[in-house]
Amino acid sequence: MLDAVAATDTDLTGAEHRTLTEGCGLLDRSERGKLALSGAGAVEFLNGQVTNELADVRSGEGRYAAFLTHKGKMLGDLRILAITGTGTTAGDESTAVELLLDTERAALQELFDMIRRFKVGYDVELHKRTLERGLLSLIGPESARVAGAESLPDAEHANAPVELDGTTALAIRTDVGIDLLCDAPGTERLAAALRARGAQPVSEQAAECVRIERGRARFGIDIDQTTMPQEAGLNERAVSFTKGCYVGQETVARLHWRGKPNRHLRGLRLSAPASTGDQLYLGERVVGQVGSFALSPHHGAIALALVRREAEPGATVLVGDSAAPAEVVELPFSTSGA
């Protein structure tokens, strides 16, 4: 029965997987948490709270970052997009006057509370955008064409306005395609325009499979409030070691320059499907637990997991009560496993 279930799920996502890796898939992600910061002090304020450098961010650019406790543990991660709006200094259209913040819904309340708590004394206004803005993700090599965003810079988080069949949206470059942020009432109209231009609707399951193959952790599933950025492999993408002070900086810097993390984000090649939360055993010792799981058309049953450093790539761990073996591997999953 287990093999039959695995085969059915893999067949279900196979066509969608080809769309996501060879064409353009469409997924509505409007449920993600969205906030905005405006005011002359927005960049200065947020730069003192998050792990990445914002002092030099320009309109049309963005950053990926984490926000932490004072002990360097993650409260969440977020995408920060700088846009130009009303009130731009005359003659300087590159000045960012608003920051759009996009985060997992599981981290939204912590982000909102952090901003409310620490923005006192700064020229900053906080705006709720979760229900006011729709978010559509285009995934695949044809995404920029479908979105009419071929001229958008290749840098991840680059952003610029586009108009599709009368609907205005903010096109945002991602590592796998283009995201489009629009006013919530226009979301379905925008989706229809994208479908007319060749985007194929895909399931969350298929999109998650591509994310897992690429080794991108998701807050609330693979990483949580016990995780430090280096453990999750986020230092290169989300942490600046040359910027000024931010909350949790001392611990993050000390671990980077002098220490070794006790855990690492790894891939698992599973011999049987698993569930999020299944414990991983190396001998008699628990060394981690399963995070995101997928049945990949290329790799079979795979998962992401934070595992203790003694479970090195190449090691075999046992998964859950069934004690099914799994191989620990480096990320991303290589094509050699196809």
Protein backbone atom coordinates (compact mmCIF):
# COMPACT_ATOMS: atom_id res chain seq x y z
CA MET A 1 0.00 0.00 0.00
CA LEU A 2 2.85 2.41 0.81
CA ASP A 3 4.42 1.93 -2.62
CA ALA A 4 1.04 2.51 -4.28
CA VAL A 5 0.55 5.77 -2.41
CA ALA A 6 4.06 6.94 -3.32
CA ALA A 7 3.54 6.14 -6.99
CA THR A 8 0.18 7.94 -7.09
CA ASP A 9 1.57 11.09 -5.45
CA THR A 10 4.60 11.13 -7.75
CA ASP A 11 2.40 10.73 -10.86
CA LEU A 12 0.16 13.53 -9.55
CA THR A 13 3.02 16.04 -9.33
CA GLY A 14 5.00 14.87 -12.37
CA ALA A 15 3.28 17.07 -14.95
CA GLU A 16 3.22 20.01 -12.54
CA HIS A 17 6.89 19.47 -11.77
CA ARG A 18 7.72 19.74 -15.49
CA THR A 19 5.70 22.95 -15.66
CA LEU A 20 7.66 24.40 -12.73
CA THR A 21 11.07 23.42 -14.11
CA GLU A 22 10.50 23.85 -17.86
CA GLY A 23 7.62 26.32 -18.24
CA CYS A 24 5.69 28.61 -15.90
CA GLY A 25 3.56 27.52 -12.97
CA LEU A 26 1.10 29.80 -11.15
CA LEU A 27 0.38 29.64 -7.41
CA ASP A 28 -1.65 32.02 -5.22
CA ARG A 29 0.32 32.87 -2.06
CA SER A 30 -1.82 35.76 -0.89
CA GLU A 31 -2.05 34.24 2.60
CA ARG A 32 1.55 35.21 3.37
CA GLY A 33 2.08 37.93 5.97
CA LYS A 34 2.60 41.42 4.55
CA LEU A 35 3.46 44.71 6.26
CA ALA A 36 4.85 48.05 5.12
CA LEU A 37 7.04 50.69 6.75
CA SER A 38 6.97 54.30 5.60
CA GLY A 39 8.66 57.44 6.84
CA ALA A 40 12.12 58.94 6.67
CA GLY A 41 13.42 56.66 9.43
CA ALA A 42 12.16 53.35 8.02
CA VAL A 43 15.48 52.08 6.65
CA GLU A 44 17.51 53.22 9.66
CA PHE A 45 15.07 51.62 12.07
CA LEU A 46 14.75 48.27 10.33
CA ASN A 47 18.50 48.08 9.71
CA GLY A 48 18.98 47.92 13.47
CA GLN A 49 16.59 44.99 13.79
CA VAL A 50 17.44 42.56 10.98
CA THR A 51 20.51 40.56 9.99
CA ASN A 52 21.15 41.91 6.50
CA GLU A 53 22.43 45.30 5.36
CA LEU A 54 19.74 47.83 4.45
CA ALA A 55 21.67 51.11 4.62
CA ASP A 56 22.56 50.93 0.93
CA VAL A 57 19.28 49.50 -0.38
CA ARG A 58 17.84 51.49 -3.27
CA SER A 59 14.39 51.70 -4.73
CA GLY A 60 13.79 48.67 -6.93
CA GLU A 61 16.04 46.46 -4.81
CA GLY A 62 15.43 44.16 -1.88
CA ARG A 63 17.04 41.98 0.76
CA TYR A 64 16.35 38.68 2.46
CA ALA A 65 16.97 38.78 6.22
CA ALA A 66 16.13 37.26 9.58
CA PHE A 67 15.06 38.94 12.80
CA LEU A 68 16.34 37.47 16.02
CA THR A 69 16.18 37.31 19.78
CA HIS A 70 19.05 38.84 21.74
CA LYS A 71 20.50 35.31 21.94
CA GLY A 72 20.67 35.04 18.15
CA LYS A 73 17.70 32.67 17.72
CA MET A 74 15.34 33.28 14.80
CA LEU A 75 11.95 34.85 15.37
CA GLY A 76 11.32 34.69 11.63
CA ASP A 77 12.66 35.50 8.20
CA LEU A 78 11.41 38.06 5.71
CA ARG A 79 11.80 39.61 2.30
CA ILE A 80 12.31 43.38 2.37
CA LEU A 81 11.46 45.31 -0.80
CA ALA A 82 12.35 48.98 -1.28
CA ILE A 83 9.97 50.98 -3.46
CA THR A 84 9.61 54.63 -4.37
CA GLY A 85 6.38 56.42 -3.48
CA THR A 86 5.03 59.87 -2.78
CA GLY A 87 7.34 62.16 -0.91
CA THR A 88 10.50 61.17 -2.80
CA THR A 89 13.17 63.85 -2.62
CA ALA A 90 12.96 66.03 -5.70
CA GLY A 91 15.42 64.93 -8.34
CA ASP A 92 16.28 61.67 -6.53
CA GLU A 93 13.88 59.01 -7.75
CA SER A 94 16.04 56.20 -6.33
CA THR A 95 15.28 57.15 -2.72
CA ALA A 96 13.31 54.36 -1.00
CA VAL A 97 10.40 55.87 0.91
CA GLU A 98 8.56 52.64 1.71
CA LEU A 99 9.67 49.16 2.69
CA LEU A 100 7.38 46.25 1.89
CA LEU A 101 7.86 43.29 4.24
CA ASP A 102 6.82 39.78 3.22
CA THR A 103 7.04 36.91 5.71
CA GLU A 104 5.61 33.51 6.57
CA ARG A 105 2.24 33.79 8.27
CA ALA A 106 3.75 31.91 11.24
CA ALA A 107 6.19 34.79 11.80
CA LEU A 108 3.84 37.72 11.11
CA GLN A 109 2.77 38.40 14.69
CA GLU A 110 6.37 38.37 15.97
CA LEU A 111 7.40 40.77 13.21
CA PHE A 112 4.47 43.08 13.91
CA ASP A 113 5.16 43.07 17.65
CA MET A 114 8.88 43.71 17.16
CA ILE A 115 8.20 46.75 14.98
CA ARG A 116 5.55 48.14 17.32
CA ARG A 117 7.84 47.68 20.33
CA PHE A 118 11.04 49.21 18.97
CA LYS A 119 9.99 51.89 16.47
CA VAL A 120 9.42 54.46 19.23
CA GLY A 121 11.56 57.51 18.54
CA TYR A 122 11.89 56.84 14.79
CA ASP A 123 10.02 58.57 11.98
CA VAL A 124 8.31 55.33 11.00
CA GLU A 125 4.72 54.34 10.30
CA LEU A 126 3.61 50.70 10.27
CA HIS A 127 0.92 49.54 7.84
CA LYS A 128 -0.91 46.19 7.65
CA ARG A 129 -0.96 44.76 4.13
CA THR A 130 -1.81 41.05 4.52
CA LEU A 131 -5.47 41.42 3.55
CA GLU A 132 -4.95 44.44 1.30
CA ARG A 133 -2.47 42.84 -1.10
CA GLY A 134 -2.65 39.70 -3.21
CA LEU A 135 0.51 37.72 -4.01
CA LEU A 136 0.84 35.45 -7.04
CA SER A 137 3.97 33.37 -7.64
CA LEU A 138 5.17 32.44 -11.10
CA ILE A 139 7.69 29.59 -10.97
CA GLY A 140 9.79 28.37 -13.87
CA PRO A 141 12.05 29.63 -16.68
CA GLU A 142 9.17 31.26 -18.61
CA SER A 143 8.06 33.37 -15.63
CA ALA A 144 9.59 36.69 -16.68
CA ARG A 145 8.06 36.44 -20.15
CA VAL A 146 4.63 35.60 -18.80
CA ALA A 147 4.82 38.46 -16.28
CA GLY A 148 6.01 40.97 -18.88
CA ALA A 149 9.08 41.50 -16.69
CA GLU A 150 11.90 40.57 -19.08
CA SER A 151 13.68 43.85 -18.34
CA LEU A 152 13.70 43.27 -14.56
CA PRO A 153 17.30 42.90 -13.28
CA ASP A 154 18.41 39.34 -12.57
CA ALA A 155 19.25 40.10 -8.93
CA GLU A 156 16.94 38.31 -6.49
CA HIS A 157 14.37 40.72 -4.96
CA ALA A 158 14.73 43.25 -7.79
CA ASN A 159 11.30 44.81 -8.26
CA ALA A 160 9.43 47.12 -10.62
CA PRO A 161 5.81 47.93 -11.52
CA VAL A 162 4.19 46.10 -14.44
CA GLU A 163 0.73 46.28 -15.97
CA LEU A 164 -1.09 43.24 -17.34
CA ASP A 165 -4.47 43.69 -19.01
CA GLY A 166 -5.24 46.78 -16.95
CA THR A 167 -4.06 45.39 -13.59
CA THR A 168 -1.01 47.05 -12.03
CA ALA A 169 1.31 44.89 -9.94
CA LEU A 170 4.77 44.93 -8.47
CA ALA A 171 6.94 42.31 -10.18
CA ILE A 172 9.57 40.82 -7.86
CA ARG A 173 12.47 38.63 -8.98
CA THR A 174 12.77 35.36 -7.01
CA ASP A 175 15.26 32.51 -7.17
CA VAL A 176 12.77 30.44 -9.19
CA GLY A 177 10.73 33.02 -11.12
CA ILE A 178 8.65 36.14 -10.56
CA ASP A 179 6.25 37.13 -7.77
CA LEU A 180 3.49 39.65 -8.44
CA LEU A 181 2.05 41.81 -5.66
CA CYS A 182 -1.22 43.59 -6.38
CA ASP A 183 -4.25 45.12 -4.67
CA ALA A 184 -6.31 42.25 -3.27
CA PRO A 185 -9.49 42.94 -5.33
CA GLY A 186 -7.45 42.59 -8.54
CA THR A 187 -5.85 39.25 -7.68
CA GLU A 188 -8.18 37.02 -9.68
CA ARG A 189 -8.17 39.42 -12.63
CA LEU A 190 -4.36 39.32 -12.60
CA ALA A 191 -4.36 35.53 -12.32
CA ALA A 192 -6.65 35.30 -15.34
CA ALA A 193 -4.31 37.53 -17.33
CA LEU A 194 -1.35 35.34 -16.39
CA ARG A 195 -3.20 32.18 -17.39
CA ALA A 196 -4.04 33.78 -20.73
CA ARG A 197 -0.34 34.45 -21.23
CA GLY A 198 0.58 30.80 -20.63
CA ALA A 199 0.90 30.31 -16.86
CA GLN A 200 -0.36 26.91 -15.68
CA PRO A 201 -1.95 26.65 -12.21
CA VAL A 202 -0.03 24.25 -9.96
CA SER A 203 -0.57 22.83 -6.49
CA GLU A 204 1.20 23.87 -3.32
CA GLN A 205 2.47 20.29 -3.14
CA ALA A 206 4.30 20.59 -6.46
CA ALA A 207 5.80 24.00 -5.59
CA GLU A 208 6.97 22.66 -2.23
CA CYS A 209 8.68 19.77 -4.00
CA VAL A 210 10.76 22.21 -6.08
CA ARG A 211 11.63 24.22 -2.95
CA ILE A 212 12.78 21.11 -1.10
CA GLU A 213 14.88 19.96 -4.06
CA ARG A 214 16.62 23.35 -4.00
CA GLY A 215 17.29 23.04 -0.27
CA ARG A 216 15.47 26.22 0.76
CA ALA A 217 14.26 26.01 4.37
CA ARG A 218 10.81 27.29 5.33
CA PHE A 219 10.25 28.99 8.67
CA GLY A 220 7.71 27.20 10.81
CA ILE A 221 8.43 23.83 9.17
CA ASP A 222 12.18 23.30 8.69
CA ILE A 223 13.42 26.04 11.01
CA ASP A 224 11.86 27.73 14.02
CA GLN A 225 12.55 29.85 17.09
CA THR A 226 15.27 27.45 18.29
CA THR A 227 17.29 27.94 15.08
CA MET A 228 20.28 30.19 14.46
CA PRO A 229 20.82 31.47 10.89
CA GLN A 230 24.10 29.59 10.43
CA GLU A 231 22.48 26.29 11.40
CA ALA A 232 19.95 26.81 8.61
CA GLY A 233 22.63 27.72 6.07
CA LEU A 234 21.35 31.31 5.83
CA ASN A 235 24.54 33.28 6.49
CA GLU A 236 25.37 33.85 2.83
CA ARG A 237 21.84 34.91 1.86
CA ALA A 238 20.59 36.69 4.95
CA VAL A 239 23.45 37.92 7.16
CA SER A 240 25.87 40.82 6.79
CA PHE A 241 29.07 40.67 8.85
CA THR A 242 30.13 44.22 7.98
CA LYS A 243 27.03 46.21 8.95
CA GLY A 244 26.39 48.04 12.21
CA CYS A 245 24.71 46.59 15.26
CA TYR A 246 21.44 44.68 15.15
CA VAL A 247 19.57 42.54 17.64
CA GLY A 248 21.38 39.22 18.16
CA GLN A 249 24.49 40.28 16.23
CA GLU A 250 27.06 39.35 18.88
CA THR A 251 26.00 35.72 19.08
CA VAL A 252 25.68 35.33 15.31
CA ALA A 253 29.13 36.86 14.71
CA ARG A 254 30.79 34.81 17.44
CA LEU A 255 29.41 31.56 16.00
CA HIS A 256 30.51 32.54 12.49
CA TRP A 257 34.08 33.54 13.34
CA ARG A 258 34.94 31.26 16.24
CA GLY A 259 32.47 28.43 16.59
CA LYS A 260 30.89 25.47 14.87
CA PRO A 261 27.11 25.08 14.80
CA ASN A 262 25.76 22.01 16.56
CA ARG A 263 23.25 21.45 13.76
CA HIS A 264 23.10 21.81 9.99
CA LEU A 265 20.27 21.91 7.47
CA ARG A 266 20.61 18.73 5.41
CA GLY A 267 18.71 16.72 2.86
CA LEU A 268 17.39 13.23 3.47
CA ARG A 269 17.05 10.54 0.82
CA LEU A 270 14.33 8.42 2.34
CA SER A 271 13.55 4.76 1.79
CA ALA A 272 9.88 5.40 2.62
CA PRO A 273 7.59 8.45 2.94
CA ALA A 274 7.88 10.32 6.23
CA SER A 275 5.97 12.98 8.13
CA THR A 276 7.05 16.37 9.41
CA GLY A 277 8.16 15.92 13.01
CA ASP A 278 9.34 12.30 12.69
CA GLN A 279 12.45 11.89 14.83
CA LEU A 280 15.79 10.89 13.34
CA TYR A 281 18.06 8.42 15.11
CA LEU A 282 21.78 7.81 14.71
CA GLY A 283 22.23 4.65 16.66
CA GLU A 284 20.24 5.18 19.86
CA ARG A 285 20.56 8.97 19.82
CA VAL A 286 17.99 11.43 18.47
CA VAL A 287 19.87 13.73 16.07
CA GLY A 288 17.01 15.72 14.54
CA GLN A 289 13.56 15.53 13.04
CA VAL A 290 12.01 15.61 9.60
CA GLY A 291 10.98 19.04 8.32
CA SER A 292 9.49 19.40 4.83
CA PHE A 293 8.78 16.17 2.93
CA ALA A 294 8.11 15.57 -0.77
CA LEU A 295 7.81 12.77 -3.28
CA SER A 296 10.01 14.07 -6.10
CA PRO A 297 9.61 12.75 -9.65
CA HIS A 298 13.41 12.97 -9.94
CA HIS A 299 14.63 11.96 -6.49
CA GLY A 300 11.89 9.86 -4.92
CA ALA A 301 11.08 10.42 -1.25
CA ILE A 302 13.13 13.35 0.06
CA ALA A 303 13.02 15.73 3.01
CA LEU A 304 14.79 18.61 4.71
CA ALA A 305 15.96 18.33 8.31
CA LEU A 306 18.07 20.12 10.86
CA VAL A 307 20.41 17.37 12.08
CA ARG A 308 23.21 17.33 14.61
CA ARG A 309 26.68 17.66 13.15
CA GLU A 310 27.65 14.06 14.01
CA ALA A 311 25.11 12.94 11.38
CA GLU A 312 27.39 13.96 8.53
CA PRO A 313 26.53 13.69 4.83
CA GLY A 314 26.72 10.05 3.87
CA ALA A 315 25.51 8.83 7.27
CA THR A 316 22.43 6.62 7.55
CA VAL A 317 19.77 7.64 10.07
CA LEU A 318 16.58 5.85 11.05
CA VAL A 319 13.29 7.68 10.68
CA GLY A 320 10.43 7.61 13.16
CA ASP A 321 8.78 4.60 14.75
CA SER A 322 9.18 2.53 11.58
CA ALA A 323 12.98 2.98 11.73
CA ALA A 324 13.10 3.27 7.92
CA PRO A 325 16.67 4.12 6.84
CA ALA A 326 17.52 7.45 5.21
CA GLU A 327 20.77 8.87 3.85
CA VAL A 328 21.92 12.32 4.99
CA VAL A 329 23.02 14.43 1.99
CA GLU A 330 24.33 17.90 1.21
CA LEU A 331 21.95 20.44 -0.28
CA PRO A 332 20.68 21.08 -2.86
CA PHE A 333 19.70 17.61 -4.03
CA SER A 334 21.97 16.75 -6.95
CA THR A 335 20.80 15.59 -10.35
CA SER A 336 22.81 12.40 -9.81
CA GLY A 337 19.88 11.10 -7.82
CA ALA A 338 17.46 11.48 -10.73
